[in-house]
Amino acid sequence: MTLVPETDRQKRTCRLLLVDDERDLRGLHHLLLQDEGFQVTDAESAKEGAREALRAPYDVAVIDERMPRIRGMALARWLRR
């Protein structure tokens, strides 16, 4: 089952940053989002997510709020700058 019609998925080149410390959930979300046509880059921590964001621009970020050390909302605020 797809959420976006095939013609729309083919047109979309949305770069998505996925940040989650739980490997299994991150992997599942990666597959689902990639199947919907997103170009997904994974990060396992807020620090790694910030590093990835400095390397390349992203159109959207999906961030787990409850991660060790740096919370997801802190990363989201930093990314908006």
Protein backbone atom coordinates (compact mmCIF):
# COMPACT_ATOMS: atom_id res chain seq x y z
CA MET A 1 0.00 0.00 0.00
CA THR A 2 1.35 3.42 -0.91
CA LEU A 3 0.16 6.76 0.37
CA VAL A 4 1.21 8.79 -2.66
CA PRO A 5 0.16 8.08 -6.26
CA GLU A 6 2.96 6.69 -8.45
CA THR A 7 3.13 9.76 -10.71
CA ASP A 8 3.62 12.05 -7.69
CA ARG A 9 6.28 9.78 -6.19
CA GLN A 10 8.25 9.84 -9.43
CA LYS A 11 8.30 13.65 -9.45
CA ARG A 12 9.31 14.07 -5.82
CA THR A 13 12.97 14.36 -4.89
CA CYS A 14 12.46 15.35 -1.27
CA ARG A 15 15.56 14.83 0.89
CA LEU A 16 14.61 13.61 4.36
CA LEU A 17 16.81 13.37 7.47
CA LEU A 18 15.66 10.60 9.82
CA VAL A 19 17.07 10.76 13.37
CA ASP A 20 16.25 8.00 15.86
CA ASP A 21 18.42 6.17 18.38
CA GLU A 22 16.38 2.96 18.11
CA ARG A 23 17.88 1.00 15.22
CA ASP A 24 14.83 -1.19 14.50
CA LEU A 25 12.39 1.73 14.35
CA ARG A 26 14.83 3.78 12.31
CA GLY A 27 15.18 0.93 9.83
CA LEU A 28 11.42 0.43 9.55
CA HIS A 29 10.76 4.15 9.05
CA HIS A 30 13.59 4.34 6.53
CA LEU A 31 12.03 1.59 4.40
CA LEU A 32 8.52 3.05 4.60
CA LEU A 33 9.64 6.58 3.73
CA GLN A 34 11.94 5.39 0.96
CA ASP A 35 9.09 3.36 -0.49
CA GLU A 36 7.07 6.59 -0.64
CA GLY A 37 9.79 8.18 -2.77
CA PHE A 38 11.81 10.13 -0.20
CA GLN A 39 15.60 10.20 -0.34
CA VAL A 40 16.29 9.15 3.26
CA THR A 41 19.49 9.68 5.25
CA ASP A 42 19.66 8.04 8.70
CA ALA A 43 21.31 9.28 11.85
CA GLU A 44 21.37 7.40 15.17
CA SER A 45 21.83 10.44 17.42
CA ALA A 46 21.16 14.16 17.49
CA LYS A 47 24.89 14.79 17.17
CA GLU A 48 25.09 12.61 14.05
CA GLY A 49 21.94 14.29 12.69
CA ALA A 50 23.54 17.71 13.11
CA ARG A 51 26.66 16.48 11.29
CA GLU A 52 24.55 15.19 8.39
CA ALA A 53 22.65 18.49 8.21
CA LEU A 54 25.95 20.37 7.91
CA ARG A 55 27.01 18.14 4.99
CA ALA A 56 23.91 18.66 2.83
CA PRO A 57 20.59 20.50 2.90
CA TYR A 58 17.41 18.56 3.76
CA ASP A 59 13.82 19.41 2.90
CA VAL A 60 12.39 17.80 6.02
CA ALA A 61 13.57 16.07 9.20
CA VAL A 62 11.83 13.34 11.17
CA ILE A 63 13.33 13.36 14.67
CA ASP A 64 12.75 11.15 17.70
CA GLU A 65 12.14 13.40 20.73
CA ARG A 66 13.45 11.00 23.37
CA MET A 67 17.10 10.34 22.65
CA PRO A 68 20.01 10.19 25.10
CA ARG A 69 22.12 13.29 25.68
CA ILE A 70 20.50 15.70 23.21
CA ARG A 71 16.70 15.73 22.90
CA GLY A 72 14.99 15.78 19.51
CA MET A 73 13.42 19.21 20.09
CA ALA A 74 16.86 20.73 20.72
CA LEU A 75 18.05 19.32 17.40
CA ALA A 76 14.91 20.61 15.65
CA ARG A 77 15.54 24.13 17.01
CA TRP A 78 19.17 23.96 15.90
CA LEU A 79 18.20 22.79 12.41
CA ARG A 80 15.80 25.72 11.97
CA ARG A 81 18.65 28.23 12.41
